[in-house]
Amino acid sequence: FWRLKEITFEKPDLETFQGLKLAFDAAAA
């Protein structure tokens, strides 16, 4: 952890990676 220093987070881009949004549609159906 001394060498790691930081851990960052981001929100997924569902417009670019449309397969992820389709997964939630499939789960809902």
mmCIF file of all heavy atoms, coordinates in Angstrom:
data_MODEL
# 
_entry.id   MODEL 
# 
loop_
_atom_site.group_PDB 
_atom_site.id 
_atom_site.type_symbol 
_atom_site.label_atom_id 
_atom_site.label_alt_id 
_atom_site.label_comp_id 
_atom_site.label_asym_id 
_atom_site.label_entity_id 
_atom_site.label_seq_id 
_atom_site.pdbx_PDB_ins_code 
_atom_site.Cartn_x 
_atom_site.Cartn_y 
_atom_site.Cartn_z 
_atom_site.occupancy 
_atom_site.B_iso_or_equiv 
_atom_site.pdbx_formal_charge 
_atom_site.auth_seq_id 
_atom_site.auth_comp_id 
_atom_site.auth_asym_id 
_atom_site.auth_atom_id 
_atom_site.pdbx_PDB_model_num 
ATOM 1   N N   . PHE A 1 1  ? 0.812   -1.216  0.000   1.00 0.00 ? 1  PHE A N   1 
ATOM 2   C CA  . PHE A 1 1  ? 0.000   0.000   0.000   1.00 0.00 ? 1  PHE A CA  1 
ATOM 3   C C   . PHE A 1 1  ? 0.849   1.272   0.000   1.00 0.00 ? 1  PHE A C   1 
ATOM 4   O O   . PHE A 1 1  ? 0.389   2.326   -0.418  1.00 0.00 ? 1  PHE A O   1 
ATOM 5   C CB  . PHE A 1 1  ? -0.971  -0.014  1.184   1.00 0.00 ? 1  PHE A CB  1 
ATOM 6   C CG  . PHE A 1 1  ? -2.097  -0.983  0.995   1.00 0.00 ? 1  PHE A CG  1 
ATOM 7   C CD1 . PHE A 1 1  ? -1.987  -2.292  1.446   1.00 0.00 ? 1  PHE A CD1 1 
ATOM 8   C CD2 . PHE A 1 1  ? -3.251  -0.606  0.351   1.00 0.00 ? 1  PHE A CD2 1 
ATOM 9   C CE1 . PHE A 1 1  ? -3.007  -3.204  1.256   1.00 0.00 ? 1  PHE A CE1 1 
ATOM 10  C CE2 . PHE A 1 1  ? -4.292  -1.510  0.156   1.00 0.00 ? 1  PHE A CE2 1 
ATOM 11  C CZ  . PHE A 1 1  ? -4.168  -2.805  0.607   1.00 0.00 ? 1  PHE A CZ  1 
ATOM 12  N N   . TRP A 1 2  ? 2.089   1.197   0.458   1.00 0.00 ? 2  TRP A N   1 
ATOM 13  C CA  . TRP A 1 2  ? 2.973   2.362   0.346   1.00 0.00 ? 2  TRP A CA  1 
ATOM 14  C C   . TRP A 1 2  ? 3.283   2.648   -1.128  1.00 0.00 ? 2  TRP A C   1 
ATOM 15  O O   . TRP A 1 2  ? 3.381   3.789   -1.539  1.00 0.00 ? 2  TRP A O   1 
ATOM 16  C CB  . TRP A 1 2  ? 4.279   2.108   1.103   1.00 0.00 ? 2  TRP A CB  1 
ATOM 17  C CG  . TRP A 1 2  ? 4.105   2.149   2.593   1.00 0.00 ? 2  TRP A CG  1 
ATOM 18  C CD1 . TRP A 1 2  ? 3.001   2.528   3.284   1.00 0.00 ? 2  TRP A CD1 1 
ATOM 19  C CD2 . TRP A 1 2  ? 5.082   1.782   3.563   1.00 0.00 ? 2  TRP A CD2 1 
ATOM 20  N NE1 . TRP A 1 2  ? 3.203   2.425   4.631   1.00 0.00 ? 2  TRP A NE1 1 
ATOM 21  C CE2 . TRP A 1 2  ? 4.480   1.974   4.839   1.00 0.00 ? 2  TRP A CE2 1 
ATOM 22  C CE3 . TRP A 1 2  ? 6.388   1.310   3.492   1.00 0.00 ? 2  TRP A CE3 1 
ATOM 23  C CZ2 . TRP A 1 2  ? 5.160   1.721   6.022   1.00 0.00 ? 2  TRP A CZ2 1 
ATOM 24  C CZ3 . TRP A 1 2  ? 7.065   1.063   4.668   1.00 0.00 ? 2  TRP A CZ3 1 
ATOM 25  C CH2 . TRP A 1 2  ? 6.458   1.256   5.920   1.00 0.00 ? 2  TRP A CH2 1 
ATOM 26  N N   . ARG A 1 3  ? 3.436   1.577   -1.894  1.00 0.00 ? 3  ARG A N   1 
ATOM 27  C CA  . ARG A 1 3  ? 3.752   1.747   -3.318  1.00 0.00 ? 3  ARG A CA  1 
ATOM 28  C C   . ARG A 1 3  ? 2.495   2.032   -4.137  1.00 0.00 ? 3  ARG A C   1 
ATOM 29  O O   . ARG A 1 3  ? 2.534   2.748   -5.140  1.00 0.00 ? 3  ARG A O   1 
ATOM 30  C CB  . ARG A 1 3  ? 4.429   0.474   -3.828  1.00 0.00 ? 3  ARG A CB  1 
ATOM 31  C CG  . ARG A 1 3  ? 4.963   0.567   -5.237  1.00 0.00 ? 3  ARG A CG  1 
ATOM 32  C CD  . ARG A 1 3  ? 6.034   -0.496  -5.480  1.00 0.00 ? 3  ARG A CD  1 
ATOM 33  N NE  . ARG A 1 3  ? 5.555   -1.847  -5.176  1.00 0.00 ? 3  ARG A NE  1 
ATOM 34  C CZ  . ARG A 1 3  ? 5.011   -2.650  -6.080  1.00 0.00 ? 3  ARG A CZ  1 
ATOM 35  N NH1 . ARG A 1 3  ? 4.841   -2.239  -7.319  1.00 0.00 ? 3  ARG A NH1 1 
ATOM 36  N NH2 . ARG A 1 3  ? 4.633   -3.862  -5.735  1.00 0.00 ? 3  ARG A NH2 1 
ATOM 37  N N   . LEU A 1 4  ? 1.352   1.492   -3.685  1.00 0.00 ? 4  LEU A N   1 
ATOM 38  C CA  . LEU A 1 4  ? 0.091   1.668   -4.405  1.00 0.00 ? 4  LEU A CA  1 
ATOM 39  C C   . LEU A 1 4  ? -0.380  3.121   -4.404  1.00 0.00 ? 4  LEU A C   1 
ATOM 40  O O   . LEU A 1 4  ? -0.820  3.651   -5.413  1.00 0.00 ? 4  LEU A O   1 
ATOM 41  C CB  . LEU A 1 4  ? -0.971  0.763   -3.782  1.00 0.00 ? 4  LEU A CB  1 
ATOM 42  C CG  . LEU A 1 4  ? -2.354  0.740   -4.423  1.00 0.00 ? 4  LEU A CG  1 
ATOM 43  C CD1 . LEU A 1 4  ? -2.278  0.245   -5.856  1.00 0.00 ? 4  LEU A CD1 1 
ATOM 44  C CD2 . LEU A 1 4  ? -3.283  -0.146  -3.603  1.00 0.00 ? 4  LEU A CD2 1 
ATOM 45  N N   . LYS A 1 5  ? -0.303  3.756   -3.263  1.00 0.00 ? 5  LYS A N   1 
ATOM 46  C CA  . LYS A 1 5  ? -0.599  5.188   -3.073  1.00 0.00 ? 5  LYS A CA  1 
ATOM 47  C C   . LYS A 1 5  ? -2.078  5.552   -3.227  1.00 0.00 ? 5  LYS A C   1 
ATOM 48  O O   . LYS A 1 5  ? -2.634  6.260   -2.391  1.00 0.00 ? 5  LYS A O   1 
ATOM 49  C CB  . LYS A 1 5  ? 0.244   6.048   -4.023  1.00 0.00 ? 5  LYS A CB  1 
ATOM 50  C CG  . LYS A 1 5  ? 1.736   5.991   -3.733  1.00 0.00 ? 5  LYS A CG  1 
ATOM 51  C CD  . LYS A 1 5  ? 2.506   6.917   -4.653  1.00 0.00 ? 5  LYS A CD  1 
ATOM 52  C CE  . LYS A 1 5  ? 3.993   6.842   -4.355  1.00 0.00 ? 5  LYS A CE  1 
ATOM 53  N NZ  . LYS A 1 5  ? 4.786   7.693   -5.263  1.00 0.00 ? 5  LYS A NZ  1 
ATOM 54  N N   . GLU A 1 6  ? -2.756  5.131   -4.307  1.00 0.00 ? 6  GLU A N   1 
ATOM 55  C CA  . GLU A 1 6  ? -4.148  5.533   -4.484  1.00 0.00 ? 6  GLU A CA  1 
ATOM 56  C C   . GLU A 1 6  ? -4.931  4.481   -5.262  1.00 0.00 ? 6  GLU A C   1 
ATOM 57  O O   . GLU A 1 6  ? -4.360  3.690   -6.016  1.00 0.00 ? 6  GLU A O   1 
ATOM 58  C CB  . GLU A 1 6  ? -4.234  6.874   -5.227  1.00 0.00 ? 6  GLU A CB  1 
ATOM 59  C CG  . GLU A 1 6  ? -3.705  6.814   -6.648  1.00 0.00 ? 6  GLU A CG  1 
ATOM 60  C CD  . GLU A 1 6  ? -3.826  8.138   -7.378  1.00 0.00 ? 6  GLU A CD  1 
ATOM 61  O OE1 . GLU A 1 6  ? -4.151  9.145   -6.714  1.00 0.00 ? 6  GLU A OE1 1 
ATOM 62  O OE2 . GLU A 1 6  ? -3.603  8.169   -8.600  1.00 0.00 ? 6  GLU A OE2 1 
ATOM 63  N N   . ILE A 1 7  ? -6.237  4.476   -5.047  1.00 0.00 ? 7  ILE A N   1 
ATOM 64  C CA  . ILE A 1 7  ? -7.158  3.643   -5.809  1.00 0.00 ? 7  ILE A CA  1 
ATOM 65  C C   . ILE A 1 7  ? -8.257  4.561   -6.324  1.00 0.00 ? 7  ILE A C   1 
ATOM 66  O O   . ILE A 1 7  ? -8.874  5.289   -5.540  1.00 0.00 ? 7  ILE A O   1 
ATOM 67  C CB  . ILE A 1 7  ? -7.770  2.521   -4.953  1.00 0.00 ? 7  ILE A CB  1 
ATOM 68  C CG1 . ILE A 1 7  ? -6.661  1.630   -4.375  1.00 0.00 ? 7  ILE A CG1 1 
ATOM 69  C CG2 . ILE A 1 7  ? -8.733  1.680   -5.778  1.00 0.00 ? 7  ILE A CG2 1 
ATOM 70  C CD1 . ILE A 1 7  ? -7.170  0.554   -3.435  1.00 0.00 ? 7  ILE A CD1 1 
ATOM 71  N N   . THR A 1 8  ? -8.486  4.562   -7.622  1.00 0.00 ? 8  THR A N   1 
ATOM 72  C CA  . THR A 1 8  ? -9.469  5.473   -8.208  1.00 0.00 ? 8  THR A CA  1 
ATOM 73  C C   . THR A 1 8  ? -10.687 4.703   -8.712  1.00 0.00 ? 8  THR A C   1 
ATOM 74  O O   . THR A 1 8  ? -10.630 3.497   -8.976  1.00 0.00 ? 8  THR A O   1 
ATOM 75  C CB  . THR A 1 8  ? -8.849  6.250   -9.376  1.00 0.00 ? 8  THR A CB  1 
ATOM 76  O OG1 . THR A 1 8  ? -8.407  5.314   -10.377 1.00 0.00 ? 8  THR A OG1 1 
ATOM 77  C CG2 . THR A 1 8  ? -7.667  7.090   -8.901  1.00 0.00 ? 8  THR A CG2 1 
ATOM 78  N N   . PHE A 1 9  ? -11.787 5.430   -8.862  1.00 0.00 ? 9  PHE A N   1 
ATOM 79  C CA  . PHE A 1 9  ? -13.053 4.847   -9.294  1.00 0.00 ? 9  PHE A CA  1 
ATOM 80  C C   . PHE A 1 9  ? -13.672 5.693   -10.403 1.00 0.00 ? 9  PHE A C   1 
ATOM 81  O O   . PHE A 1 9  ? -13.484 6.908   -10.429 1.00 0.00 ? 9  PHE A O   1 
ATOM 82  C CB  . PHE A 1 9  ? -14.033 4.750   -8.116  1.00 0.00 ? 9  PHE A CB  1 
ATOM 83  C CG  . PHE A 1 9  ? -13.495 3.973   -6.951  1.00 0.00 ? 9  PHE A CG  1 
ATOM 84  C CD1 . PHE A 1 9  ? -12.865 4.619   -5.900  1.00 0.00 ? 9  PHE A CD1 1 
ATOM 85  C CD2 . PHE A 1 9  ? -13.604 2.595   -6.910  1.00 0.00 ? 9  PHE A CD2 1 
ATOM 86  C CE1 . PHE A 1 9  ? -12.361 3.914   -4.825  1.00 0.00 ? 9  PHE A CE1 1 
ATOM 87  C CE2 . PHE A 1 9  ? -13.097 1.877   -5.835  1.00 0.00 ? 9  PHE A CE2 1 
ATOM 88  C CZ  . PHE A 1 9  ? -12.478 2.534   -4.793  1.00 0.00 ? 9  PHE A CZ  1 
ATOM 89  N N   . GLU A 1 10 ? -14.417 5.027   -11.285 1.00 0.00 ? 10 GLU A N   1 
ATOM 90  C CA  . GLU A 1 10 ? -15.109 5.715   -12.364 1.00 0.00 ? 10 GLU A CA  1 
ATOM 91  C C   . GLU A 1 10 ? -16.480 5.084   -12.586 1.00 0.00 ? 10 GLU A C   1 
ATOM 92  O O   . GLU A 1 10 ? -16.723 3.941   -12.192 1.00 0.00 ? 10 GLU A O   1 
ATOM 93  C CB  . GLU A 1 10 ? -14.298 5.627   -13.668 1.00 0.00 ? 10 GLU A CB  1 
ATOM 94  C CG  . GLU A 1 10 ? -12.912 6.237   -13.602 1.00 0.00 ? 10 GLU A CG  1 
ATOM 95  C CD  . GLU A 1 10 ? -12.081 5.895   -14.823 1.00 0.00 ? 10 GLU A CD  1 
ATOM 96  O OE1 . GLU A 1 10 ? -12.653 5.421   -15.831 1.00 0.00 ? 10 GLU A OE1 1 
ATOM 97  O OE2 . GLU A 1 10 ? -10.850 6.088   -14.763 1.00 0.00 ? 10 GLU A OE2 1 
ATOM 98  N N   . LYS A 1 11 ? -17.340 5.843   -13.234 1.00 0.00 ? 11 LYS A N   1 
ATOM 99  C CA  . LYS A 1 11 ? -18.662 5.343   -13.623 1.00 0.00 ? 11 LYS A CA  1 
ATOM 100 C C   . LYS A 1 11 ? -18.558 4.739   -15.024 1.00 0.00 ? 11 LYS A C   1 
ATOM 101 O O   . LYS A 1 11 ? -17.911 5.321   -15.904 1.00 0.00 ? 11 LYS A O   1 
ATOM 102 C CB  . LYS A 1 11 ? -19.664 6.501   -13.615 1.00 0.00 ? 11 LYS A CB  1 
ATOM 103 C CG  . LYS A 1 11 ? -21.095 6.114   -13.922 1.00 0.00 ? 11 LYS A CG  1 
ATOM 104 C CD  . LYS A 1 11 ? -21.996 7.339   -13.840 1.00 0.00 ? 11 LYS A CD  1 
ATOM 105 C CE  . LYS A 1 11 ? -23.447 6.982   -14.154 1.00 0.00 ? 11 LYS A CE  1 
ATOM 106 N NZ  . LYS A 1 11 ? -24.326 8.178   -14.049 1.00 0.00 ? 11 LYS A NZ  1 
ATOM 107 N N   . PRO A 1 12 ? -19.157 3.591   -15.277 1.00 0.00 ? 12 PRO A N   1 
ATOM 108 C CA  . PRO A 1 12 ? -19.077 3.001   -16.620 1.00 0.00 ? 12 PRO A CA  1 
ATOM 109 C C   . PRO A 1 12 ? -19.814 3.853   -17.658 1.00 0.00 ? 12 PRO A C   1 
ATOM 110 O O   . PRO A 1 12 ? -20.847 4.451   -17.356 1.00 0.00 ? 12 PRO A O   1 
ATOM 111 C CB  . PRO A 1 12 ? -19.735 1.628   -16.454 1.00 0.00 ? 12 PRO A CB  1 
ATOM 112 C CG  . PRO A 1 12 ? -20.605 1.750   -15.253 1.00 0.00 ? 12 PRO A CG  1 
ATOM 113 C CD  . PRO A 1 12 ? -19.934 2.746   -14.353 1.00 0.00 ? 12 PRO A CD  1 
ATOM 114 N N   . ASP A 1 13 ? -19.286 3.891   -18.863 1.00 0.00 ? 13 ASP A N   1 
ATOM 115 C CA  . ASP A 1 13 ? -19.876 4.643   -19.971 1.00 0.00 ? 13 ASP A CA  1 
ATOM 116 C C   . ASP A 1 13 ? -20.814 3.711   -20.742 1.00 0.00 ? 13 ASP A C   1 
ATOM 117 O O   . ASP A 1 13 ? -20.380 2.941   -21.602 1.00 0.00 ? 13 ASP A O   1 
ATOM 118 C CB  . ASP A 1 13 ? -18.755 5.169   -20.866 1.00 0.00 ? 13 ASP A CB  1 
ATOM 119 C CG  . ASP A 1 13 ? -19.275 5.953   -22.068 1.00 0.00 ? 13 ASP A CG  1 
ATOM 120 O OD1 . ASP A 1 13 ? -20.498 6.027   -22.253 1.00 0.00 ? 13 ASP A OD1 1 
ATOM 121 O OD2 . ASP A 1 13 ? -18.431 6.487   -22.824 1.00 0.00 ? 13 ASP A OD2 1 
ATOM 122 N N   . LEU A 1 14 ? -22.102 3.787   -20.438 1.00 0.00 ? 14 LEU A N   1 
ATOM 123 C CA  . LEU A 1 14 ? -23.073 2.879   -21.052 1.00 0.00 ? 14 LEU A CA  1 
ATOM 124 C C   . LEU A 1 14 ? -23.379 3.237   -22.494 1.00 0.00 ? 14 LEU A C   1 
ATOM 125 O O   . LEU A 1 14 ? -23.923 2.411   -23.237 1.00 0.00 ? 14 LEU A O   1 
ATOM 126 C CB  . LEU A 1 14 ? -24.367 2.862   -20.233 1.00 0.00 ? 14 LEU A CB  1 
ATOM 127 C CG  . LEU A 1 14 ? -24.244 2.374   -18.789 1.00 0.00 ? 14 LEU A CG  1 
ATOM 128 C CD1 . LEU A 1 14 ? -25.615 2.310   -18.135 1.00 0.00 ? 14 LEU A CD1 1 
ATOM 129 C CD2 . LEU A 1 14 ? -23.565 1.026   -18.708 1.00 0.00 ? 14 LEU A CD2 1 
ATOM 130 N N   . GLU A 1 15 ? -23.050 4.456   -22.910 1.00 0.00 ? 15 GLU A N   1 
ATOM 131 C CA  . GLU A 1 15 ? -23.256 4.841   -24.304 1.00 0.00 ? 15 GLU A CA  1 
ATOM 132 C C   . GLU A 1 15 ? -22.209 4.190   -25.197 1.00 0.00 ? 15 GLU A C   1 
ATOM 133 O O   . GLU A 1 15 ? -22.505 3.718   -26.293 1.00 0.00 ? 15 GLU A O   1 
ATOM 134 C CB  . GLU A 1 15 ? -23.190 6.363   -24.439 1.00 0.00 ? 15 GLU A CB  1 
ATOM 135 C CG  . GLU A 1 15 ? -23.380 6.870   -25.860 1.00 0.00 ? 15 GLU A CG  1 
ATOM 136 C CD  . GLU A 1 15 ? -24.687 6.445   -26.506 1.00 0.00 ? 15 GLU A CD  1 
ATOM 137 O OE1 . GLU A 1 15 ? -25.711 6.354   -25.786 1.00 0.00 ? 15 GLU A OE1 1 
ATOM 138 O OE2 . GLU A 1 15 ? -24.682 6.172   -27.727 1.00 0.00 ? 15 GLU A OE2 1 
ATOM 139 N N   . THR A 1 16 ? -20.974 4.164   -24.717 1.00 0.00 ? 16 THR A N   1 
ATOM 140 C CA  . THR A 1 16 ? -19.900 3.523   -25.481 1.00 0.00 ? 16 THR A CA  1 
ATOM 141 C C   . THR A 1 16 ? -19.971 2.008   -25.356 1.00 0.00 ? 16 THR A C   1 
ATOM 142 O O   . THR A 1 16 ? -19.878 1.283   -26.350 1.00 0.00 ? 16 THR A O   1 
ATOM 143 C CB  . THR A 1 16 ? -18.523 4.017   -24.991 1.00 0.00 ? 16 THR A CB  1 
ATOM 144 O OG1 . THR A 1 16 ? -18.438 5.431   -25.200 1.00 0.00 ? 16 THR A OG1 1 
ATOM 145 C CG2 . THR A 1 16 ? -17.398 3.333   -25.740 1.00 0.00 ? 16 THR A CG2 1 
ATOM 146 N N   . PHE A 1 17 ? -20.160 1.518   -24.138 1.00 0.00 ? 17 PHE A N   1 
ATOM 147 C CA  . PHE A 1 17 ? -20.177 0.076   -23.887 1.00 0.00 ? 17 PHE A CA  1 
ATOM 148 C C   . PHE A 1 17 ? -21.627 -0.387  -23.733 1.00 0.00 ? 17 PHE A C   1 
ATOM 149 O O   . PHE A 1 17 ? -22.106 -0.659  -22.637 1.00 0.00 ? 17 PHE A O   1 
ATOM 150 C CB  . PHE A 1 17 ? -19.325 -0.248  -22.664 1.00 0.00 ? 17 PHE A CB  1 
ATOM 151 C CG  . PHE A 1 17 ? -17.883 0.163   -22.831 1.00 0.00 ? 17 PHE A CG  1 
ATOM 152 C CD1 . PHE A 1 17 ? -17.425 1.361   -22.311 1.00 0.00 ? 17 PHE A CD1 1 
ATOM 153 C CD2 . PHE A 1 17 ? -17.007 -0.631  -23.548 1.00 0.00 ? 17 PHE A CD2 1 
ATOM 154 C CE1 . PHE A 1 17 ? -16.113 1.756   -22.490 1.00 0.00 ? 17 PHE A CE1 1 
ATOM 155 C CE2 . PHE A 1 17 ? -15.688 -0.250  -23.731 1.00 0.00 ? 17 PHE A CE2 1 
ATOM 156 C CZ  . PHE A 1 17 ? -15.237 0.953   -23.204 1.00 0.00 ? 17 PHE A CZ  1 
ATOM 157 N N   . GLN A 1 18 ? -22.309 -0.452  -24.873 1.00 0.00 ? 18 GLN A N   1 
ATOM 158 C CA  . GLN A 1 18 ? -23.746 -0.712  -24.858 1.00 0.00 ? 18 GLN A CA  1 
ATOM 159 C C   . GLN A 1 18 ? -24.102 -2.128  -24.434 1.00 0.00 ? 18 GLN A C   1 
ATOM 160 O O   . GLN A 1 18 ? -25.229 -2.398  -24.022 1.00 0.00 ? 18 GLN A O   1 
ATOM 161 C CB  . GLN A 1 18 ? -24.320 -0.397  -26.242 1.00 0.00 ? 18 GLN A CB  1 
ATOM 162 C CG  . GLN A 1 18 ? -24.178 1.075   -26.611 1.00 0.00 ? 18 GLN A CG  1 
ATOM 163 C CD  . GLN A 1 18 ? -24.764 1.408   -27.973 1.00 0.00 ? 18 GLN A CD  1 
ATOM 164 O OE1 . GLN A 1 18 ? -25.301 0.553   -28.665 1.00 0.00 ? 18 GLN A OE1 1 
ATOM 165 N NE2 . GLN A 1 18 ? -24.644 2.665   -28.355 1.00 0.00 ? 18 GLN A NE2 1 
ATOM 166 N N   . GLY A 1 19 ? -23.144 -3.034  -24.531 1.00 0.00 ? 19 GLY A N   1 
ATOM 167 C CA  . GLY A 1 19 ? -23.400 -4.408  -24.099 1.00 0.00 ? 19 GLY A CA  1 
ATOM 168 C C   . GLY A 1 19 ? -23.737 -4.499  -22.632 1.00 0.00 ? 19 GLY A C   1 
ATOM 169 O O   . GLY A 1 19 ? -24.503 -5.378  -22.218 1.00 0.00 ? 19 GLY A O   1 
ATOM 170 N N   . LEU A 1 20 ? -23.192 -3.586  -21.809 1.00 0.00 ? 20 LEU A N   1 
ATOM 171 C CA  . LEU A 1 20 ? -23.491 -3.601  -20.376 1.00 0.00 ? 20 LEU A CA  1 
ATOM 172 C C   . LEU A 1 20 ? -24.928 -3.180  -20.109 1.00 0.00 ? 20 LEU A C   1 
ATOM 173 O O   . LEU A 1 20 ? -25.623 -3.789  -19.300 1.00 0.00 ? 20 LEU A O   1 
ATOM 174 C CB  . LEU A 1 20 ? -22.515 -2.698  -19.626 1.00 0.00 ? 20 LEU A CB  1 
ATOM 175 C CG  . LEU A 1 20 ? -22.692 -2.614  -18.109 1.00 0.00 ? 20 LEU A CG  1 
ATOM 176 C CD1 . LEU A 1 20 ? -22.651 -3.993  -17.464 1.00 0.00 ? 20 LEU A CD1 1 
ATOM 177 C CD2 . LEU A 1 20 ? -21.610 -1.713  -17.497 1.00 0.00 ? 20 LEU A CD2 1 
ATOM 178 N N   . LYS A 1 21 ? -25.384 -2.140  -20.804 1.00 0.00 ? 21 LYS A N   1 
ATOM 179 C CA  . LYS A 1 21 ? -26.776 -1.717  -20.640 1.00 0.00 ? 21 LYS A CA  1 
ATOM 180 C C   . LYS A 1 21 ? -27.734 -2.813  -21.084 1.00 0.00 ? 21 LYS A C   1 
ATOM 181 O O   . LYS A 1 21 ? -28.765 -3.060  -20.447 1.00 0.00 ? 21 LYS A O   1 
ATOM 182 C CB  . LYS A 1 21 ? -27.050 -0.444  -21.444 1.00 0.00 ? 21 LYS A CB  1 
ATOM 183 C CG  . LYS A 1 21 ? -28.485 0.069   -21.275 1.00 0.00 ? 21 LYS A CG  1 
ATOM 184 C CD  . LYS A 1 21 ? -28.739 1.292   -22.113 1.00 0.00 ? 21 LYS A CD  1 
ATOM 185 C CE  . LYS A 1 21 ? -30.161 1.811   -21.867 1.00 0.00 ? 21 LYS A CE  1 
ATOM 186 N NZ  . LYS A 1 21 ? -31.195 0.763   -22.146 1.00 0.00 ? 21 LYS A NZ  1 
ATOM 187 N N   . LEU A 1 22 ? -27.397 -3.492  -22.172 1.00 0.00 ? 22 LEU A N   1 
ATOM 188 C CA  . LEU A 1 22 ? -28.249 -4.582  -22.653 1.00 0.00 ? 22 LEU A CA  1 
ATOM 189 C C   . LEU A 1 22 ? -28.354 -5.713  -21.630 1.00 0.00 ? 22 LEU A C   1 
ATOM 190 O O   . LEU A 1 22 ? -29.372 -6.397  -21.555 1.00 0.00 ? 22 LEU A O   1 
ATOM 191 C CB  . LEU A 1 22 ? -27.710 -5.116  -23.985 1.00 0.00 ? 22 LEU A CB  1 
ATOM 192 C CG  . LEU A 1 22 ? -27.870 -4.181  -25.195 1.00 0.00 ? 22 LEU A CG  1 
ATOM 193 C CD1 . LEU A 1 22 ? -27.058 -4.698  -26.372 1.00 0.00 ? 22 LEU A CD1 1 
ATOM 194 C CD2 . LEU A 1 22 ? -29.339 -4.030  -25.572 1.00 0.00 ? 22 LEU A CD2 1 
ATOM 195 N N   . ALA A 1 23 ? -27.309 -5.904  -20.832 1.00 0.00 ? 23 ALA A N   1 
ATOM 196 C CA  . ALA A 1 23 ? -27.349 -6.936  -19.789 1.00 0.00 ? 23 ALA A CA  1 
ATOM 197 C C   . ALA A 1 23 ? -28.407 -6.621  -18.752 1.00 0.00 ? 23 ALA A C   1 
ATOM 198 O O   . ALA A 1 23 ? -29.152 -7.510  -18.309 1.00 0.00 ? 23 ALA A O   1 
ATOM 199 C CB  . ALA A 1 23 ? -25.982 -7.066  -19.122 1.00 0.00 ? 23 ALA A CB  1 
ATOM 200 N N   . PHE A 1 24 ? -28.502 -5.361  -18.344 1.00 0.00 ? 24 PHE A N   1 
ATOM 201 C CA  . PHE A 1 24 ? -29.531 -4.982  -17.381 1.00 0.00 ? 24 PHE A CA  1 
ATOM 202 C C   . PHE A 1 24 ? -30.928 -5.121  -18.000 1.00 0.00 ? 24 PHE A C   1 
ATOM 203 O O   . PHE A 1 24 ? -31.878 -5.512  -17.317 1.00 0.00 ? 24 PHE A O   1 
ATOM 204 C CB  . PHE A 1 24 ? -29.294 -3.551  -16.891 1.00 0.00 ? 24 PHE A CB  1 
ATOM 205 C CG  . PHE A 1 24 ? -28.235 -3.461  -15.822 1.00 0.00 ? 24 PHE A CG  1 
ATOM 206 C CD1 . PHE A 1 24 ? -26.903 -3.252  -16.150 1.00 0.00 ? 24 PHE A CD1 1 
ATOM 207 C CD2 . PHE A 1 24 ? -28.567 -3.611  -14.482 1.00 0.00 ? 24 PHE A CD2 1 
ATOM 208 C CE1 . PHE A 1 24 ? -25.921 -3.186  -15.168 1.00 0.00 ? 24 PHE A CE1 1 
ATOM 209 C CE2 . PHE A 1 24 ? -27.594 -3.543  -13.487 1.00 0.00 ? 24 PHE A CE2 1 
ATOM 210 C CZ  . PHE A 1 24 ? -26.266 -3.336  -13.831 1.00 0.00 ? 24 PHE A CZ  1 
ATOM 211 N N   . ASP A 1 25 ? -31.055 -4.840  -19.303 1.00 0.00 ? 25 ASP A N   1 
ATOM 212 C CA  . ASP A 1 25 ? -32.339 -5.043  -19.993 1.00 0.00 ? 25 ASP A CA  1 
ATOM 213 C C   . ASP A 1 25 ? -32.704 -6.526  -20.007 1.00 0.00 ? 25 ASP A C   1 
ATOM 214 O O   . ASP A 1 25 ? -33.859 -6.896  -19.771 1.00 0.00 ? 25 ASP A O   1 
ATOM 215 C CB  . ASP A 1 25 ? -32.261 -4.519  -21.425 1.00 0.00 ? 25 ASP A CB  1 
ATOM 216 C CG  . ASP A 1 25 ? -32.086 -3.009  -21.500 1.00 0.00 ? 25 ASP A CG  1 
ATOM 217 O OD1 . ASP A 1 25 ? -32.397 -2.329  -20.499 1.00 0.00 ? 25 ASP A OD1 1 
ATOM 218 O OD2 . ASP A 1 25 ? -31.647 -2.519  -22.554 1.00 0.00 ? 25 ASP A OD2 1 
ATOM 219 N N   . ALA A 1 26 ? -31.712 -7.378  -20.262 1.00 0.00 ? 26 ALA A N   1 
ATOM 220 C CA  . ALA A 1 26 ? -31.966 -8.821  -20.295 1.00 0.00 ? 26 ALA A CA  1 
ATOM 221 C C   . ALA A 1 26 ? -32.356 -9.346  -18.923 1.00 0.00 ? 26 ALA A C   1 
ATOM 222 O O   . ALA A 1 26 ? -33.270 -10.170 -18.787 1.00 0.00 ? 26 ALA A O   1 
ATOM 223 C CB  . ALA A 1 26 ? -30.723 -9.558  -20.813 1.00 0.00 ? 26 ALA A CB  1 
ATOM 224 N N   . ALA A 1 27 ? -31.677 -8.857  -17.885 1.00 0.00 ? 27 ALA A N   1 
ATOM 225 C CA  . ALA A 1 27 ? -31.999 -9.287  -16.518 1.00 0.00 ? 27 ALA A CA  1 
ATOM 226 C C   . ALA A 1 27 ? -33.401 -8.852  -16.132 1.00 0.00 ? 27 ALA A C   1 
ATOM 227 O O   . ALA A 1 27 ? -34.128 -9.594  -15.458 1.00 0.00 ? 27 ALA A O   1 
ATOM 228 C CB  . ALA A 1 27 ? -30.971 -8.713  -15.540 1.00 0.00 ? 27 ALA A CB  1 
ATOM 229 N N   . ALA A 1 28 ? -33.794 -7.661  -16.553 1.00 0.00 ? 28 ALA A N   1 
ATOM 230 C CA  . ALA A 1 28 ? -35.135 -7.156  -16.238 1.00 0.00 ? 28 ALA A CA  1 
ATOM 231 C C   . ALA A 1 28 ? -36.216 -7.983  -16.933 1.00 0.00 ? 28 ALA A C   1 
ATOM 232 O O   . ALA A 1 28 ? -37.280 -8.246  -16.360 1.00 0.00 ? 28 ALA A O   1 
ATOM 233 C CB  . ALA A 1 28 ? -35.255 -5.689  -16.647 1.00 0.00 ? 28 ALA A CB  1 
ATOM 234 N N   . ALA A 1 29 ? -35.938 -8.416  -18.160 1.00 0.00 ? 29 ALA A N   1 
ATOM 235 C CA  . ALA A 1 29 ? -36.910 -9.229  -18.898 1.00 0.00 ? 29 ALA A CA  1 
ATOM 236 C C   . ALA A 1 29 ? -37.003 -10.633 -18.312 1.00 0.00 ? 29 ALA A C   1 
ATOM 237 O O   . ALA A 1 29 ? -38.074 -11.240 -18.269 1.00 0.00 ? 29 ALA A O   1 
ATOM 238 C CB  . ALA A 1 29 ? -36.517 -9.291  -20.371 1.00 0.00 ? 29 ALA A CB  1 
# 
